[in-house]
Amino acid sequence: MSFTHHFSVLPGDARQDHLIDILLSKGRQVAFDMPLEKLCAASPVILGPIPFSYSYDELSLIPRQLIFGGCLTKEFLLSCERNDITAVDYMKDKELTVLNAVATAEGTVASMIQHSYYNLHGAPVLILGFGVCAKALADRLSAMHAKICICARDKAARAEAVSLGFEAISFEDLWGRLPGFLFIVNTVPALVLTKELLNFVHPECLLTDIASAPGGIDKDSAEKLQFRFQTLPGIPGKISPKSSAAYMASFLLETLRTAEVKPAKETPAQEGSA
């Protein structure tokens, strides 16, 4: 198979646009702004968005190609494996995940300030979950002197939160504490703040869900109860796409440099972009 470009960049959010610019600045031939079938045939390495929004059947992938994307589904990974496609999930890399969490935390704080009735300074804030994004968010909110409480199922996670100076509770204790918070941020990608629990939430509380779909807050119930409610998917692509694209480019180029499995041989035949 003879390819015309080094990389094909699939449409996505603003991170994809900046990724194209970065790769072009490094002298790579980059295919973009083409029908999907032509994009998949143009390059040995396909660069999808975060989160990855394509099904396997939408793409005309070629055996021995590499495809990058974020939050790849099990179904997509299985299809790639069956068809001799190497799939790499951006979000499985710990360094990139941490850097992505920085953008997520900054964007969340910005939106909380914009949409609440209250200052963050001195305000009681509940964060559901204590993964990478929750930790980055708690750190930044704490620096603004918010009063942070972490709700986590895992005892070790709660102990870590306490060791960092935060209050920590279990989900079993959640209902009795809900009236005391003016901000609640969910980071758990499963329903945790149910219709029943929402009845105990302070009526002026700002609810923010930053978890991947389907999220963790009962959206329909929150809207019926007339809460100030926001979902914030893909924050890095909206708040700091250029920084996020730089992290992605660094990761993919290093992965290609060190990978044991190489893509099909690339033979670019033209300069510039499609």
C-alpha atoms as a PDB file:
ATOM      1  CA  MET A   1       0.000   0.000   0.000  1.00  0.00           C
ATOM      2  CA  SER A   2       1.395   3.381  -1.001  1.00  0.00           C
ATOM      3  CA  PHE A   3       0.375   6.310   1.213  1.00  0.00           C
ATOM      4  CA  THR A   4       0.484   9.992   0.321  1.00  0.00           C
ATOM      5  CA  HIS A   5       0.781  11.441   3.833  1.00  0.00           C
ATOM      6  CA  HIS A   6       2.325  10.638   7.217  1.00  0.00           C
ATOM      7  CA  PHE A   7      -0.847  11.282   9.255  1.00  0.00           C
ATOM      8  CA  SER A   8      -4.589  11.529   8.693  1.00  0.00           C
ATOM      9  CA  VAL A   9      -6.432  13.678  11.237  1.00  0.00           C
ATOM     10  CA  LEU A  10     -10.113  12.866  11.712  1.00  0.00           C
ATOM     11  CA  PRO A  11     -12.540  15.718  12.431  1.00  0.00           C
ATOM     12  CA  GLY A  12     -13.143  16.501  16.098  1.00  0.00           C
ATOM     13  CA  ASP A  13     -12.922  19.522  18.364  1.00  0.00           C
ATOM     14  CA  ALA A  14     -10.389  22.376  18.279  1.00  0.00           C
ATOM     15  CA  ARG A  15      -7.627  20.074  19.552  1.00  0.00           C
ATOM     16  CA  GLN A  16      -7.624  18.335  16.177  1.00  0.00           C
ATOM     17  CA  ASP A  17      -7.154  21.642  14.351  1.00  0.00           C
ATOM     18  CA  HIS A  18      -4.163  22.579  16.504  1.00  0.00           C
ATOM     19  CA  LEU A  19      -2.756  19.055  16.183  1.00  0.00           C
ATOM     20  CA  ILE A  20      -2.697  19.529  12.409  1.00  0.00           C
ATOM     21  CA  ASP A  21      -0.779  22.800  12.808  1.00  0.00           C
ATOM     22  CA  ILE A  22       1.752  21.231  15.176  1.00  0.00           C
ATOM     23  CA  LEU A  23       2.455  18.274  12.894  1.00  0.00           C
ATOM     24  CA  LEU A  24       2.772  20.514   9.828  1.00  0.00           C
ATOM     25  CA  SER A  25       5.243  22.714  11.729  1.00  0.00           C
ATOM     26  CA  LYS A  26       7.344  19.594  12.312  1.00  0.00           C
ATOM     27  CA  GLY A  27       7.509  18.877   8.603  1.00  0.00           C
ATOM     28  CA  ARG A  28       4.976  16.032   8.518  1.00  0.00           C
ATOM     29  CA  GLN A  29       2.561  15.572   5.628  1.00  0.00           C
ATOM     30  CA  VAL A  30      -0.924  15.700   7.124  1.00  0.00           C
ATOM     31  CA  ALA A  31      -4.196  14.721   5.465  1.00  0.00           C
ATOM     32  CA  PHE A  32      -7.399  16.406   6.653  1.00  0.00           C
ATOM     33  CA  ASP A  33     -10.588  17.977   5.335  1.00  0.00           C
ATOM     34  CA  MET A  34     -11.351  14.944   3.169  1.00  0.00           C
ATOM     35  CA  PRO A  35     -14.171  12.394   3.100  1.00  0.00           C
ATOM     36  CA  LEU A  36     -13.528   9.710   5.738  1.00  0.00           C
ATOM     37  CA  GLU A  37     -12.806   7.008   3.148  1.00  0.00           C
ATOM     38  CA  LYS A  38     -10.058   9.106   1.525  1.00  0.00           C
ATOM     39  CA  LEU A  39      -8.634  10.119   4.911  1.00  0.00           C
ATOM     40  CA  CYS A  40      -8.295   6.505   5.969  1.00  0.00           C
ATOM     41  CA  ALA A  41      -6.534   5.607   2.716  1.00  0.00           C
ATOM     42  CA  ALA A  42      -4.116   8.540   2.810  1.00  0.00           C
ATOM     43  CA  SER A  43      -1.879   7.632   5.749  1.00  0.00           C
ATOM     44  CA  PRO A  44      -0.533   4.752   7.821  1.00  0.00           C
ATOM     45  CA  VAL A  45      -1.415   6.578  11.058  1.00  0.00           C
ATOM     46  CA  ILE A  46      -4.955   7.810  11.768  1.00  0.00           C
ATOM     47  CA  LEU A  47      -5.452  10.415  14.503  1.00  0.00           C
ATOM     48  CA  GLY A  48      -8.889  10.471  16.066  1.00  0.00           C
ATOM     49  CA  PRO A  49     -10.328  12.888  18.621  1.00  0.00           C
ATOM     50  CA  ILE A  50     -10.784  12.747  22.401  1.00  0.00           C
ATOM     51  CA  PRO A  51     -13.286  11.322  23.084  1.00  0.00           C
ATOM     52  CA  PHE A  52     -13.285   9.065  20.019  1.00  0.00           C
ATOM     53  CA  SER A  53     -16.632   9.559  18.272  1.00  0.00           C
ATOM     54  CA  TYR A  54     -16.494   7.084  15.383  1.00  0.00           C
ATOM     55  CA  SER A  55     -17.643   3.485  15.069  1.00  0.00           C
ATOM     56  CA  TYR A  56     -15.358   0.978  13.372  1.00  0.00           C
ATOM     57  CA  ASP A  57     -17.791   0.594  10.476  1.00  0.00           C
ATOM     58  CA  GLU A  58     -17.675   4.332   9.713  1.00  0.00           C
ATOM     59  CA  LEU A  59     -13.964   4.117   8.926  1.00  0.00           C
ATOM     60  CA  SER A  60     -12.310   2.296   6.036  1.00  0.00           C
ATOM     61  CA  LEU A  61      -9.241   1.155   7.928  1.00  0.00           C
ATOM     62  CA  ILE A  62      -6.485  -0.890   6.313  1.00  0.00           C
ATOM     63  CA  PRO A  63      -4.654  -3.827   7.945  1.00  0.00           C
ATOM     64  CA  ARG A  64      -1.479  -2.775   9.817  1.00  0.00           C
ATOM     65  CA  GLN A  65      -2.573   0.839  10.201  1.00  0.00           C
ATOM     66  CA  LEU A  66      -2.284   2.572  13.580  1.00  0.00           C
ATOM     67  CA  ILE A  67      -5.146   4.602  14.974  1.00  0.00           C
ATOM     68  CA  PHE A  68      -5.007   6.956  17.956  1.00  0.00           C
ATOM     69  CA  GLY A  69      -8.010   8.217  19.890  1.00  0.00           C
ATOM     70  CA  GLY A  70      -9.279   8.933  23.366  1.00  0.00           C
ATOM     71  CA  CYS A  71     -11.654   6.742  25.404  1.00  0.00           C
ATOM     72  CA  LEU A  72     -11.810   3.971  22.791  1.00  0.00           C
ATOM     73  CA  THR A  73     -14.682   1.546  23.383  1.00  0.00           C
ATOM     74  CA  LYS A  74     -14.228  -2.192  23.903  1.00  0.00           C
ATOM     75  CA  GLU A  75     -16.182  -2.830  20.723  1.00  0.00           C
ATOM     76  CA  PHE A  76     -13.899  -0.604  18.683  1.00  0.00           C
ATOM     77  CA  LEU A  77     -10.768  -2.189  20.159  1.00  0.00           C
ATOM     78  CA  LEU A  78     -12.052  -5.699  19.424  1.00  0.00           C
ATOM     79  CA  SER A  79     -12.833  -4.756  15.819  1.00  0.00           C
ATOM     80  CA  CYS A  80      -9.325  -3.351  15.414  1.00  0.00           C
ATOM     81  CA  GLU A  81      -7.774  -6.498  16.841  1.00  0.00           C
ATOM     82  CA  ARG A  82      -9.773  -8.740  14.501  1.00  0.00           C
ATOM     83  CA  ASN A  83      -8.671  -6.699  11.478  1.00  0.00           C
ATOM     84  CA  ASP A  84      -4.968  -6.299  12.306  1.00  0.00           C
ATOM     85  CA  ILE A  85      -5.302  -2.618  13.243  1.00  0.00           C
ATOM     86  CA  THR A  86      -3.209  -1.302  16.133  1.00  0.00           C
ATOM     87  CA  ALA A  87      -5.298   1.031  18.315  1.00  0.00           C
ATOM     88  CA  VAL A  88      -3.742   3.368  20.883  1.00  0.00           C
ATOM     89  CA  ASP A  89      -5.870   5.103  23.507  1.00  0.00           C
ATOM     90  CA  TYR A  90      -4.518   8.514  24.509  1.00  0.00           C
ATOM     91  CA  MET A  91      -6.263   8.240  27.869  1.00  0.00           C
ATOM     92  CA  LYS A  92      -4.434   5.048  28.840  1.00  0.00           C
ATOM     93  CA  ASP A  93      -1.211   7.038  29.141  1.00  0.00           C
ATOM     94  CA  LYS A  94      -0.775   8.249  32.729  1.00  0.00           C
ATOM     95  CA  GLU A  95       1.235  11.353  31.842  1.00  0.00           C
ATOM     96  CA  LEU A  96      -1.221  12.502  29.181  1.00  0.00           C
ATOM     97  CA  THR A  97      -4.165  11.782  31.491  1.00  0.00           C
ATOM     98  CA  VAL A  98      -2.675  13.976  34.204  1.00  0.00           C
ATOM     99  CA  LEU A  99      -1.960  16.808  31.760  1.00  0.00           C
ATOM    100  CA  ASN A 100      -5.483  16.499  30.368  1.00  0.00           C
ATOM    101  CA  ALA A 101      -6.820  16.755  33.927  1.00  0.00           C
ATOM    102  CA  VAL A 102      -5.081  20.115  34.339  1.00  0.00           C
ATOM    103  CA  ALA A 103      -7.112  21.592  31.491  1.00  0.00           C
ATOM    104  CA  THR A 104     -10.269  19.924  32.773  1.00  0.00           C
ATOM    105  CA  ALA A 105      -9.779  21.355  36.270  1.00  0.00           C
ATOM    106  CA  GLU A 106      -9.051  24.883  35.025  1.00  0.00           C
ATOM    107  CA  GLY A 107     -12.072  24.867  32.734  1.00  0.00           C
ATOM    108  CA  THR A 108     -14.328  23.521  35.467  1.00  0.00           C
ATOM    109  CA  VAL A 109     -13.259  26.230  37.899  1.00  0.00           C
ATOM    110  CA  ALA A 110     -13.853  28.907  35.252  1.00  0.00           C
ATOM    111  CA  SER A 111     -17.367  27.639  34.579  1.00  0.00           C
ATOM    112  CA  MET A 112     -18.188  27.321  38.285  1.00  0.00           C
ATOM    113  CA  ILE A 113     -17.246  30.955  38.826  1.00  0.00           C
ATOM    114  CA  GLN A 114     -19.274  32.077  35.830  1.00  0.00           C
ATOM    115  CA  HIS A 115     -22.498  30.222  36.663  1.00  0.00           C
ATOM    116  CA  SER A 116     -22.854  30.330  40.446  1.00  0.00           C
ATOM    117  CA  TYR A 117     -24.487  32.846  42.766  1.00  0.00           C
ATOM    118  CA  TYR A 118     -21.590  32.512  45.215  1.00  0.00           C
ATOM    119  CA  ASN A 119     -17.850  33.050  45.515  1.00  0.00           C
ATOM    120  CA  LEU A 120     -15.728  29.916  45.657  1.00  0.00           C
ATOM    121  CA  HIS A 121     -13.753  31.478  48.512  1.00  0.00           C
ATOM    122  CA  GLY A 122     -15.086  29.934  51.702  1.00  0.00           C
ATOM    123  CA  ALA A 123     -17.807  28.000  49.894  1.00  0.00           C
ATOM    124  CA  PRO A 124     -18.533  24.346  50.746  1.00  0.00           C
ATOM    125  CA  VAL A 125     -17.762  22.233  47.655  1.00  0.00           C
ATOM    126  CA  LEU A 126     -18.536  18.529  47.262  1.00  0.00           C
ATOM    127  CA  ILE A 127     -16.567  16.523  44.695  1.00  0.00           C
ATOM    128  CA  LEU A 128     -17.966  13.092  43.825  1.00  0.00           C
ATOM    129  CA  GLY A 129     -15.113  10.690  43.085  1.00  0.00           C
ATOM    130  CA  PHE A 130     -11.382  11.071  43.628  1.00  0.00           C
ATOM    131  CA  GLY A 131      -9.661  10.104  40.402  1.00  0.00           C
ATOM    132  CA  VAL A 132      -7.147  12.122  38.410  1.00  0.00           C
ATOM    133  CA  CYS A 133      -9.546  14.920  37.392  1.00  0.00           C
ATOM    134  CA  ALA A 134     -11.063  15.165  40.870  1.00  0.00           C
ATOM    135  CA  LYS A 135      -7.616  15.501  42.450  1.00  0.00           C
ATOM    136  CA  ALA A 136      -6.580  18.250  40.037  1.00  0.00           C
ATOM    137  CA  LEU A 137      -9.853  20.066  40.653  1.00  0.00           C
ATOM    138  CA  ALA A 138      -9.658  19.742  44.447  1.00  0.00           C
ATOM    139  CA  ASP A 139      -6.110  21.118  44.411  1.00  0.00           C
ATOM    140  CA  ARG A 140      -7.107  24.233  42.480  1.00  0.00           C
ATOM    141  CA  LEU A 141     -10.314  24.863  44.436  1.00  0.00           C
ATOM    142  CA  SER A 142      -8.413  24.483  47.680  1.00  0.00           C
ATOM    143  CA  ALA A 143      -5.923  27.115  46.512  1.00  0.00           C
ATOM    144  CA  MET A 144      -8.921  29.441  46.135  1.00  0.00           C
ATOM    145  CA  HIS A 145      -9.868  28.699  49.765  1.00  0.00           C
ATOM    146  CA  ALA A 146     -12.979  26.684  49.008  1.00  0.00           C
ATOM    147  CA  LYS A 147     -13.945  24.119  51.659  1.00  0.00           C
ATOM    148  CA  ILE A 148     -13.499  20.779  49.917  1.00  0.00           C
ATOM    149  CA  CYS A 149     -15.287  17.549  50.777  1.00  0.00           C
ATOM    150  CA  ILE A 150     -14.538  14.393  48.777  1.00  0.00           C
ATOM    151  CA  CYS A 151     -17.115  11.622  48.431  1.00  0.00           C
ATOM    152  CA  ALA A 152     -15.514   8.321  47.390  1.00  0.00           C
ATOM    153  CA  ARG A 153     -16.361   4.643  47.713  1.00  0.00           C
ATOM    154  CA  ASP A 154     -12.787   3.461  48.188  1.00  0.00           C
ATOM    155  CA  LYS A 155     -11.417   3.734  51.736  1.00  0.00           C
ATOM    156  CA  ALA A 156      -7.890   4.309  50.458  1.00  0.00           C
ATOM    157  CA  ALA A 157      -9.109   7.181  48.280  1.00  0.00           C
ATOM    158  CA  ARG A 158     -10.846   8.763  51.263  1.00  0.00           C
ATOM    159  CA  ALA A 159      -7.692   8.339  53.349  1.00  0.00           C
ATOM    160  CA  GLU A 160      -5.634  10.016  50.620  1.00  0.00           C
ATOM    161  CA  ALA A 161      -8.107  12.900  50.495  1.00  0.00           C
ATOM    162  CA  VAL A 162      -7.838  13.371  54.251  1.00  0.00           C
ATOM    163  CA  SER A 163      -4.036  13.238  54.045  1.00  0.00           C
ATOM    164  CA  LEU A 164      -4.184  16.138  51.567  1.00  0.00           C
ATOM    165  CA  GLY A 165      -6.247  18.224  53.968  1.00  0.00           C
ATOM    166  CA  PHE A 166      -9.716  17.583  52.565  1.00  0.00           C
ATOM    167  CA  GLU A 167     -12.754  16.216  54.336  1.00  0.00           C
ATOM    168  CA  ALA A 168     -13.880  12.817  53.030  1.00  0.00           C
ATOM    169  CA  ILE A 169     -17.140  10.879  53.257  1.00  0.00           C
ATOM    170  CA  SER A 170     -18.559   7.675  51.803  1.00  0.00           C
ATOM    171  CA  PHE A 171     -21.551   7.501  49.478  1.00  0.00           C
ATOM    172  CA  GLU A 172     -23.524   5.897  52.311  1.00  0.00           C
ATOM    173  CA  ASP A 173     -23.187   9.143  54.275  1.00  0.00           C
ATOM    174  CA  LEU A 174     -23.971  11.375  51.317  1.00  0.00           C
ATOM    175  CA  TRP A 175     -27.678  12.076  51.777  1.00  0.00           C
ATOM    176  CA  GLY A 176     -27.264  13.598  55.234  1.00  0.00           C
ATOM    177  CA  ARG A 177     -24.575  16.014  54.050  1.00  0.00           C
ATOM    178  CA  LEU A 178     -26.081  17.229  50.767  1.00  0.00           C
ATOM    179  CA  PRO A 179     -27.968  20.293  52.113  1.00  0.00           C
ATOM    180  CA  GLY A 180     -24.699  21.900  53.227  1.00  0.00           C
ATOM    181  CA  PHE A 181     -23.030  22.308  49.815  1.00  0.00           C
ATOM    182  CA  LEU A 182     -23.289  25.263  47.445  1.00  0.00           C
ATOM    183  CA  PHE A 183     -21.270  23.511  44.701  1.00  0.00           C
ATOM    184  CA  ILE A 184     -21.336  19.841  43.716  1.00  0.00           C
ATOM    185  CA  VAL A 185     -19.041  18.501  40.998  1.00  0.00           C
ATOM    186  CA  ASN A 186     -19.380  14.948  39.745  1.00  0.00           C
ATOM    187  CA  THR A 187     -16.432  13.078  38.218  1.00  0.00           C
ATOM    188  CA  VAL A 188     -17.914   9.546  38.389  1.00  0.00           C
ATOM    189  CA  PRO A 189     -19.034   8.096  35.002  1.00  0.00           C
ATOM    190  CA  ALA A 190     -22.037   6.293  36.530  1.00  0.00           C
ATOM    191  CA  LEU A 191     -25.241   7.525  38.155  1.00  0.00           C
ATOM    192  CA  VAL A 192     -24.452   8.522  41.752  1.00  0.00           C
ATOM    193  CA  LEU A 193     -26.556  11.643  42.364  1.00  0.00           C
ATOM    194  CA  THR A 194     -30.018  10.166  41.868  1.00  0.00           C
ATOM    195  CA  LYS A 195     -33.468  11.739  41.851  1.00  0.00           C
ATOM    196  CA  GLU A 196     -33.920  10.720  45.488  1.00  0.00           C
ATOM    197  CA  LEU A 197     -30.654  12.316  46.571  1.00  0.00           C
ATOM    198  CA  LEU A 198     -31.333  15.508  44.610  1.00  0.00           C
ATOM    199  CA  ASN A 199     -34.266  16.200  46.926  1.00  0.00           C
ATOM    200  CA  PHE A 200     -31.736  16.846  49.723  1.00  0.00           C
ATOM    201  CA  VAL A 201     -29.509  19.246  47.745  1.00  0.00           C
ATOM    202  CA  HIS A 202     -29.476  22.968  48.656  1.00  0.00           C
ATOM    203  CA  PRO A 203     -31.824  24.751  46.211  1.00  0.00           C
ATOM    204  CA  GLU A 204     -29.151  27.293  45.202  1.00  0.00           C
ATOM    205  CA  CYS A 205     -26.414  24.698  44.708  1.00  0.00           C
ATOM    206  CA  LEU A 206     -24.638  24.688  41.336  1.00  0.00           C
ATOM    207  CA  LEU A 207     -24.451  21.144  39.950  1.00  0.00           C
ATOM    208  CA  THR A 208     -21.602  20.411  37.544  1.00  0.00           C
ATOM    209  CA  ASP A 209     -21.014  17.087  35.797  1.00  0.00           C
ATOM    210  CA  ILE A 210     -17.608  16.599  34.153  1.00  0.00           C
ATOM    211  CA  ALA A 211     -17.720  12.799  33.920  1.00  0.00           C
ATOM    212  CA  SER A 212     -17.739  11.019  30.583  1.00  0.00           C
ATOM    213  CA  ALA A 213     -21.126   9.848  29.287  1.00  0.00           C
ATOM    214  CA  PRO A 214     -23.585   9.018  30.698  1.00  0.00           C
ATOM    215  CA  GLY A 215     -22.386  11.169  33.610  1.00  0.00           C
ATOM    216  CA  GLY A 216     -23.259  10.765  37.266  1.00  0.00           C
ATOM    217  CA  ILE A 217     -26.039  13.298  37.950  1.00  0.00           C
ATOM    218  CA  ASP A 218     -29.675  12.608  37.059  1.00  0.00           C
ATOM    219  CA  LYS A 219     -29.972  15.400  34.506  1.00  0.00           C
ATOM    220  CA  ASP A 220     -33.722  15.161  33.925  1.00  0.00           C
ATOM    221  CA  SER A 221     -34.486  15.279  37.639  1.00  0.00           C
ATOM    222  CA  ALA A 222     -32.053  18.147  38.201  1.00  0.00           C
ATOM    223  CA  GLU A 223     -33.781  20.176  35.498  1.00  0.00           C
ATOM    224  CA  LYS A 224     -37.265  19.369  36.801  1.00  0.00           C
ATOM    225  CA  LEU A 225     -36.176  20.491  40.261  1.00  0.00           C
ATOM    226  CA  GLN A 226     -34.862  23.707  38.623  1.00  0.00           C
ATOM    227  CA  PHE A 227     -31.276  23.414  39.812  1.00  0.00           C
ATOM    228  CA  ARG A 228     -28.516  25.400  38.176  1.00  0.00           C
ATOM    229  CA  PHE A 229     -26.996  22.465  36.300  1.00  0.00           C
ATOM    230  CA  GLN A 230     -24.220  22.153  33.732  1.00  0.00           C
ATOM    231  CA  THR A 231     -22.516  19.300  31.936  1.00  0.00           C
ATOM    232  CA  LEU A 232     -19.008  20.026  30.698  1.00  0.00           C
ATOM    233  CA  PRO A 233     -17.872  17.413  28.157  1.00  0.00           C
ATOM    234  CA  GLY A 234     -14.581  17.858  26.316  1.00  0.00           C
ATOM    235  CA  ILE A 235     -13.332  20.788  28.403  1.00  0.00           C
ATOM    236  CA  PRO A 236      -9.708  20.652  27.126  1.00  0.00           C
ATOM    237  CA  GLY A 237     -10.964  21.042  23.569  1.00  0.00           C
ATOM    238  CA  LYS A 238     -12.848  24.203  24.515  1.00  0.00           C
ATOM    239  CA  ILE A 239     -10.730  25.895  27.176  1.00  0.00           C
ATOM    240  CA  SER A 240      -7.123  25.153  26.195  1.00  0.00           C
ATOM    241  CA  PRO A 241      -7.076  23.267  22.885  1.00  0.00           C
ATOM    242  CA  LYS A 242      -3.598  24.398  21.861  1.00  0.00           C
ATOM    243  CA  SER A 243      -1.938  23.164  25.057  1.00  0.00           C
ATOM    244  CA  SER A 244      -3.915  19.927  24.907  1.00  0.00           C
ATOM    245  CA  ALA A 245      -2.962  19.361  21.258  1.00  0.00           C
ATOM    246  CA  ALA A 246       0.703  19.849  22.140  1.00  0.00           C
ATOM    247  CA  TYR A 247       0.415  17.102  24.779  1.00  0.00           C
ATOM    248  CA  MET A 248      -1.253  14.813  22.239  1.00  0.00           C
ATOM    249  CA  ALA A 249       1.410  15.462  19.592  1.00  0.00           C
ATOM    250  CA  SER A 250       4.221  14.792  22.035  1.00  0.00           C
ATOM    251  CA  PHE A 251       2.610  11.535  23.129  1.00  0.00           C
ATOM    252  CA  LEU A 252       1.899  10.194  19.652  1.00  0.00           C
ATOM    253  CA  LEU A 253       5.336  11.050  18.249  1.00  0.00           C
ATOM    254  CA  GLU A 254       7.058   9.438  21.227  1.00  0.00           C
ATOM    255  CA  THR A 255       4.797   6.397  20.920  1.00  0.00           C
ATOM    256  CA  LEU A 256       5.671   6.007  17.247  1.00  0.00           C
ATOM    257  CA  ARG A 257       9.359   6.467  17.998  1.00  0.00           C
ATOM    258  CA  THR A 258       9.437   3.731  20.644  1.00  0.00           C
ATOM    259  CA  ALA A 259       6.626   1.388  19.528  1.00  0.00           C
ATOM    260  CA  GLU A 260       7.504  -2.225  18.852  1.00  0.00           C
ATOM    261  CA  VAL A 261       4.593  -2.488  16.395  1.00  0.00           C
ATOM    262  CA  LYS A 262       5.132  -0.160  13.448  1.00  0.00           C
ATOM    263  CA  PRO A 263       2.481   0.977  10.972  1.00  0.00           C
ATOM    264  CA  ALA A 264       2.508  -0.038   7.339  1.00  0.00           C
ATOM    265  CA  LYS A 265       5.357   1.632   5.464  1.00  0.00           C
ATOM    266  CA  GLU A 266       4.629   5.288   4.740  1.00  0.00           C
ATOM    267  CA  THR A 267       5.595   6.781   1.393  1.00  0.00           C
ATOM    268  CA  PRO A 268       4.357  10.384   1.247  1.00  0.00           C
ATOM    269  CA  ALA A 269       4.126  11.542  -2.334  1.00  0.00           C
ATOM    270  CA  GLN A 270       3.254  15.207  -1.850  1.00  0.00           C
ATOM    271  CA  GLU A 271       4.025  18.137   0.385  1.00  0.00           C
ATOM    272  CA  GLY A 272       1.550  20.160   2.429  1.00  0.00           C
ATOM    273  CA  SER A 273      -1.930  19.281   3.553  1.00  0.00           C
ATOM    274  CA  ALA A 274      -5.027  18.005   1.903  1.00  0.00           C
END
